Amino acid sequence: MELQGSPSETFDEERAWAVLRAIAIGGAGTLLAEARGFRLDEAERLERRAESGAERGDPPSARLSPSVKEMLELYLPLCRTRTLVFGHVGQSLDGQIATASGASRYVSGPENLHHMHRLRALADAVVVGAHTVERDDPQLTTRLVPGRNPTRVVLDPSLRLPENRRVFQERAAQTLVLCARGRRTNGHELANAEIVEIPAVEGAFTPSEIIRALRERGLERIFIEGGGITLSRFLEARRLDRLHVTICPLFIGHGKPGIVLPPIDRLDRALRPRTRRFALGDDVLFDCRLETAA
């Protein structure tokens, strides 16, 4: 992809998103810096390189609008390596992702939904649990943003989901269904989905087994979209490199919690990730940089 241009060229959000997608697909973490004369510093803030590309006619980073600069700072860390596991959750001020009855639509604003579609576009695979597919019947595509659809991965250890769910019926993207080894009976099919058996422990998958199964199929950049149980298991197992937590300005009361981890006795045992904050309309996104288990 040719990224050079004239000094008068506008480096807008559309062009910035095209650059980010090119980096994600190619896995070239230095592509943006080489082509545009800026890079992320240690705190993942965008800065101008000393050896500017201005002599090649590239637009300097100083000319970036605040929205473009923020976009690059938010998404570039997800593009710089081919091997990454990242997650996202949108929750209320009191930590709920849905009401007690399961209603979750409009917890977060439209900007967060747009953000989630961008995360899908940067991933090789998007992972959800069976309960999310059963309750929300998501499409798991990138229909709101330019970009390829990731492989859709449904965690269904007991193969309980019916085949009328949209991820099984629609051919917009490849769909994998992970089930517990030995659960698939002869001739069991799920419309357009491929069923893959992997080891399970007491009816549940370990994050490590999920990651192993996907990477055996060349799916390196893995987005854990939900729901809360699936995301919590990956966080507890320390198998997330990044976690985006979007806090939405409402109180739901007792409902479906976003992240649930085992209790601790002392705060020095708390997980304290390095964080950055971004505005998504009225919502606030916390980008958490995590240390993963070996």
Protein backbone atom coordinates (compact mmCIF):
# COMPACT_ATOMS: atom_id res chain seq x y z
CA MET A 1 0.00 0.00 0.00
CA GLU A 2 1.42 3.37 -1.04
CA LEU A 3 1.39 5.80 1.86
CA GLN A 4 3.44 8.73 0.63
CA GLY A 5 1.78 11.94 -0.54
CA SER A 6 2.15 15.64 -1.07
CA PRO A 7 2.58 18.17 1.75
CA SER A 8 -0.95 19.43 1.10
CA GLU A 9 -2.51 15.97 1.46
CA THR A 10 -5.08 15.61 4.23
CA PHE A 11 -4.31 12.74 6.56
CA ASP A 12 -7.89 12.29 7.76
CA GLU A 13 -9.58 9.51 9.75
CA GLU A 14 -10.42 7.54 6.63
CA ARG A 15 -6.78 7.48 5.51
CA ALA A 16 -5.53 6.79 9.04
CA TRP A 17 -7.87 3.80 9.28
CA ALA A 18 -6.61 2.47 5.95
CA VAL A 19 -3.03 2.70 7.24
CA LEU A 20 -3.94 0.89 10.46
CA ARG A 21 -5.63 -1.92 8.55
CA ALA A 22 -2.61 -2.27 6.27
CA ILE A 23 -0.32 -2.59 9.28
CA ALA A 24 -2.64 -5.14 10.93
CA ILE A 25 -2.79 -7.29 7.80
CA GLY A 26 0.92 -7.05 7.05
CA GLY A 27 2.12 -7.14 10.64
CA ALA A 28 4.69 -4.42 9.87
CA GLY A 29 4.88 -2.51 13.12
CA THR A 30 7.27 0.14 11.78
CA LEU A 31 5.37 0.81 8.55
CA LEU A 32 3.52 3.84 9.85
CA ALA A 33 6.61 5.46 11.37
CA GLU A 34 8.69 4.86 8.26
CA ALA A 35 6.05 6.24 5.94
CA ARG A 36 4.73 9.14 8.02
CA GLY A 37 7.55 10.41 10.20
CA PHE A 38 5.98 9.65 13.59
CA ARG A 39 5.95 6.82 16.12
CA LEU A 40 4.62 5.84 19.53
CA ASP A 41 6.84 6.59 22.51
CA GLU A 42 7.16 4.35 25.58
CA ALA A 43 3.87 5.67 26.97
CA GLU A 44 2.25 4.95 23.58
CA ARG A 45 1.82 8.62 22.76
CA LEU A 46 2.29 9.72 19.18
CA GLU A 47 5.42 11.79 18.57
CA ARG A 48 7.34 13.20 15.60
CA ARG A 49 10.48 11.29 14.64
CA ALA A 50 13.69 13.28 14.65
CA GLU A 51 14.43 12.16 11.08
CA SER A 52 11.21 13.54 9.61
CA GLY A 53 9.89 12.30 6.29
CA ALA A 54 9.08 15.84 5.20
CA GLU A 55 11.83 15.76 2.56
CA ARG A 56 9.85 12.99 0.83
CA GLY A 57 6.73 15.10 0.83
CA ASP A 58 5.08 13.22 3.71
CA PRO A 59 2.70 15.22 5.92
CA PRO A 60 4.28 15.82 9.36
CA SER A 61 2.62 14.51 12.50
CA ALA A 62 2.07 18.09 13.70
CA ARG A 63 -0.60 18.45 11.01
CA LEU A 64 -2.68 15.56 12.34
CA SER A 65 -6.06 16.56 13.73
CA PRO A 66 -6.70 15.65 17.39
CA SER A 67 -9.18 12.95 16.33
CA VAL A 68 -6.69 11.31 13.94
CA LYS A 69 -3.90 11.47 16.52
CA GLU A 70 -6.16 9.82 19.10
CA MET A 71 -7.20 7.13 16.62
CA LEU A 72 -3.60 6.23 15.89
CA GLU A 73 -2.67 6.15 19.57
CA LEU A 74 -5.64 3.91 20.39
CA TYR A 75 -5.34 1.33 17.62
CA LEU A 76 -1.67 1.23 16.65
CA PRO A 77 -0.67 -0.85 19.72
CA LEU A 78 -3.08 -3.54 18.48
CA CYS A 79 -1.43 -3.62 15.05
CA ARG A 80 2.26 -3.73 15.85
CA THR A 81 2.50 -7.49 16.37
CA ARG A 82 0.93 -10.43 14.57
CA THR A 83 0.49 -12.40 17.80
CA LEU A 84 -1.96 -10.72 20.20
CA VAL A 85 -4.98 -11.54 22.35
CA PHE A 86 -7.19 -8.59 23.24
CA GLY A 87 -10.65 -8.13 24.73
CA HIS A 88 -13.37 -5.55 25.11
CA VAL A 89 -16.28 -4.98 27.48
CA GLY A 90 -18.80 -2.14 27.66
CA GLN A 91 -20.35 -1.74 31.09
CA SER A 92 -22.30 0.66 33.28
CA LEU A 93 -20.89 2.76 36.10
CA ASP A 94 -21.87 -0.02 38.49
CA GLY A 95 -20.13 -2.69 36.43
CA GLN A 96 -23.09 -4.31 34.65
CA ILE A 97 -23.27 -5.30 30.97
CA ALA A 98 -27.01 -6.07 30.99
CA THR A 99 -30.08 -6.02 33.18
CA ALA A 100 -31.06 -9.05 35.27
CA SER A 101 -33.36 -10.14 32.42
CA GLY A 102 -30.50 -9.90 29.92
CA ALA A 103 -31.40 -6.63 28.14
CA SER A 104 -28.11 -5.12 26.96
CA ARG A 105 -28.93 -2.95 23.96
CA TYR A 106 -27.89 0.69 24.33
CA VAL A 107 -25.79 0.19 27.47
CA SER A 108 -23.02 1.92 25.53
CA GLY A 109 -23.30 4.63 22.90
CA PRO A 110 -22.93 4.40 19.11
CA GLU A 111 -19.26 5.40 19.29
CA ASN A 112 -18.47 2.30 21.33
CA LEU A 113 -20.31 0.09 18.84
CA HIS A 114 -18.25 1.65 16.04
CA HIS A 115 -15.12 0.99 18.11
CA MET A 116 -16.06 -2.67 18.54
CA HIS A 117 -16.44 -3.10 14.78
CA ARG A 118 -12.97 -1.59 14.33
CA LEU A 119 -11.58 -4.11 16.81
CA ARG A 120 -13.13 -6.91 14.75
CA ALA A 121 -11.56 -5.50 11.59
CA LEU A 122 -8.10 -5.62 13.17
CA ALA A 123 -8.51 -9.23 14.32
CA ASP A 124 -8.01 -12.57 12.62
CA ALA A 125 -10.66 -14.13 14.87
CA VAL A 126 -13.48 -12.82 17.07
CA VAL A 127 -14.45 -15.09 19.98
CA VAL A 128 -17.77 -15.24 21.83
CA GLY A 129 -19.40 -17.67 24.22
CA ALA A 130 -22.51 -19.72 23.50
CA HIS A 131 -24.64 -17.60 25.85
CA THR A 132 -23.82 -14.44 23.88
CA VAL A 133 -24.86 -16.11 20.62
CA GLU A 134 -28.01 -17.50 22.24
CA ARG A 135 -29.05 -14.19 23.83
CA ASP A 136 -27.92 -11.56 21.32
CA ASP A 137 -27.75 -13.50 18.02
CA PRO A 138 -24.84 -11.28 16.81
CA GLN A 139 -23.48 -11.18 13.26
CA LEU A 140 -19.88 -10.51 14.38
CA THR A 141 -19.02 -8.69 11.16
CA THR A 142 -17.37 -5.35 10.35
CA ARG A 143 -20.42 -3.92 8.60
CA LEU A 144 -20.05 -0.46 10.24
CA VAL A 145 -16.44 0.10 9.15
CA PRO A 146 -14.22 -0.67 6.15
CA GLY A 147 -12.29 -3.87 6.72
CA ARG A 148 -12.34 -7.62 6.36
CA ASN A 149 -14.58 -9.79 8.51
CA PRO A 150 -12.67 -11.92 11.02
CA THR A 151 -13.24 -15.63 11.48
CA ARG A 152 -16.13 -16.01 13.92
CA VAL A 153 -15.44 -18.40 16.80
CA VAL A 154 -18.23 -19.67 19.04
CA LEU A 155 -17.38 -21.49 22.29
CA ASP A 156 -20.06 -24.14 22.71
CA PRO A 157 -18.63 -27.08 24.72
CA SER A 158 -21.88 -29.09 24.73
CA LEU A 159 -23.01 -28.17 21.19
CA ARG A 160 -26.30 -26.88 22.54
CA LEU A 161 -26.88 -23.98 20.15
CA PRO A 162 -29.47 -24.39 17.38
CA GLU A 163 -28.37 -23.82 13.81
CA ASN A 164 -30.78 -20.91 13.25
CA ARG A 165 -28.34 -18.41 14.77
CA ARG A 166 -27.06 -15.85 12.27
CA VAL A 167 -23.40 -16.77 12.67
CA PHE A 168 -24.28 -20.25 11.40
CA GLN A 169 -26.67 -19.20 8.65
CA GLU A 170 -24.90 -16.21 7.10
CA ARG A 171 -21.86 -16.70 4.88
CA ALA A 172 -20.37 -13.24 5.50
CA ALA A 173 -17.41 -14.84 7.29
CA GLN A 174 -16.02 -18.25 8.21
CA THR A 175 -17.45 -19.62 11.46
CA LEU A 176 -15.81 -22.11 13.81
CA VAL A 177 -17.64 -23.77 16.68
CA LEU A 178 -15.39 -25.15 19.40
CA CYS A 179 -16.94 -28.06 21.29
CA ALA A 180 -15.65 -30.46 23.94
CA ARG A 181 -13.82 -33.49 22.61
CA GLY A 182 -16.24 -36.39 22.22
CA ARG A 183 -19.40 -34.23 22.16
CA ARG A 184 -19.84 -34.28 18.41
CA THR A 185 -21.95 -37.18 17.27
CA ASN A 186 -21.80 -38.70 13.82
CA GLY A 187 -23.31 -36.38 11.24
CA HIS A 188 -23.76 -33.42 13.61
CA GLU A 189 -23.57 -30.25 11.51
CA LEU A 190 -24.31 -26.56 12.12
CA ALA A 191 -25.32 -25.11 8.75
CA ASN A 192 -22.29 -23.20 7.40
CA ALA A 193 -20.10 -23.56 10.51
CA GLU A 194 -17.15 -25.89 11.01
CA ILE A 195 -17.20 -27.86 14.27
CA VAL A 196 -13.82 -28.30 15.98
CA GLU A 197 -13.33 -30.55 19.01
CA ILE A 198 -10.83 -29.46 21.66
CA PRO A 199 -10.08 -30.63 25.22
CA ALA A 200 -12.37 -29.35 27.98
CA VAL A 201 -12.08 -29.43 31.77
CA GLU A 202 -15.35 -30.02 33.63
CA GLY A 203 -17.30 -28.86 30.61
CA ALA A 204 -15.32 -25.66 30.00
CA PHE A 205 -12.36 -24.71 27.83
CA THR A 206 -9.16 -23.23 29.18
CA PRO A 207 -8.07 -20.02 27.43
CA SER A 208 -4.77 -21.70 26.53
CA GLU A 209 -6.57 -24.49 24.63
CA ILE A 210 -8.71 -21.96 22.77
CA ILE A 211 -5.67 -19.94 21.74
CA ARG A 212 -3.77 -23.07 20.71
CA ALA A 213 -6.65 -24.33 18.55
CA LEU A 214 -6.99 -20.99 16.76
CA ARG A 215 -3.29 -20.47 16.17
CA GLU A 216 -3.02 -23.95 14.69
CA ARG A 217 -5.36 -22.53 12.02
CA GLY A 218 -3.24 -19.41 11.46
CA LEU A 219 -5.48 -17.12 13.54
CA GLU A 220 -2.87 -15.09 15.43
CA ARG A 221 -4.59 -11.83 16.42
CA ILE A 222 -7.53 -12.92 18.58
CA PHE A 223 -10.32 -10.61 19.80
CA ILE A 224 -12.28 -11.85 22.84
CA GLU A 225 -15.56 -9.97 22.44
CA GLY A 226 -17.70 -11.58 25.08
CA GLY A 227 -19.56 -12.24 27.07
CA GLY A 228 -18.57 -11.46 30.60
CA ILE A 229 -17.87 -15.07 31.61
CA THR A 230 -15.60 -15.74 28.64
CA LEU A 231 -13.73 -12.46 29.07
CA SER A 232 -13.33 -13.02 32.82
CA ARG A 233 -11.80 -16.45 32.24
CA PHE A 234 -9.20 -15.03 29.86
CA LEU A 235 -8.38 -12.23 32.29
CA GLU A 236 -8.13 -14.60 35.27
CA ALA A 237 -5.81 -16.89 33.30
CA ARG A 238 -3.64 -13.88 32.33
CA ARG A 239 -4.07 -14.64 28.63
CA LEU A 240 -5.07 -11.13 27.56
CA ASP A 241 -2.42 -8.74 26.23
CA ARG A 242 -4.83 -5.77 26.09
CA LEU A 243 -8.29 -5.15 27.50
CA HIS A 244 -10.55 -2.26 26.51
CA VAL A 245 -13.09 -1.43 29.20
CA THR A 246 -15.69 1.13 28.14
CA ILE A 247 -17.51 2.77 31.05
CA CYS A 248 -20.96 4.06 30.17
CA PRO A 249 -22.71 6.81 32.21
CA LEU A 250 -25.65 4.91 33.66
CA PHE A 251 -26.49 2.80 36.70
CA ILE A 252 -28.27 -0.47 36.00
CA GLY A 253 -28.50 -2.02 39.45
CA HIS A 254 -28.28 -5.76 40.00
CA GLY A 255 -27.86 -7.33 36.55
CA LYS A 256 -25.25 -9.18 34.52
CA PRO A 257 -21.74 -8.17 35.65
CA GLY A 258 -19.03 -7.47 33.09
CA ILE A 259 -15.92 -8.89 34.77
CA VAL A 260 -15.99 -11.33 37.67
CA LEU A 261 -12.71 -12.52 39.19
CA PRO A 262 -11.92 -14.61 42.28
CA PRO A 263 -11.72 -12.64 45.53
CA ILE A 264 -8.39 -11.47 46.95
CA ASP A 265 -7.44 -10.75 50.56
CA ARG A 266 -5.00 -7.89 50.04
CA LEU A 267 -4.85 -5.05 47.54
CA ASP A 268 -1.20 -5.72 46.80
CA ARG A 269 -2.45 -8.82 44.99
CA ALA A 270 -4.75 -6.81 42.75
CA LEU A 271 -4.15 -6.75 39.02
CA ARG A 272 -2.98 -3.20 38.21
CA PRO A 273 -2.56 -2.75 34.46
CA ARG A 274 -1.02 0.28 32.83
CA THR A 275 -3.93 2.27 31.48
CA ARG A 276 -4.77 5.07 29.07
CA ARG A 277 -8.12 6.86 28.71
CA PHE A 278 -10.00 7.79 25.55
CA ALA A 279 -13.37 9.47 25.02
CA LEU A 280 -16.00 7.60 23.01
CA GLY A 281 -18.83 10.11 22.89
CA ASP A 282 -20.30 10.13 26.41
CA ASP A 283 -18.48 6.89 27.28
CA VAL A 284 -14.91 6.60 28.59
CA LEU A 285 -12.64 3.84 27.32
CA PHE A 286 -9.84 2.49 29.50
CA ASP A 287 -7.12 0.79 27.46
CA CYS A 288 -5.47 -1.70 29.82
CA ARG A 289 -2.03 -3.06 29.00
CA LEU A 290 -1.67 -6.41 30.71
CA GLU A 291 1.10 -8.84 31.50
CA THR A 292 0.27 -12.27 30.08
CA ALA A 293 1.19 -15.66 31.47
CA ALA A 294 4.03 -17.53 29.83
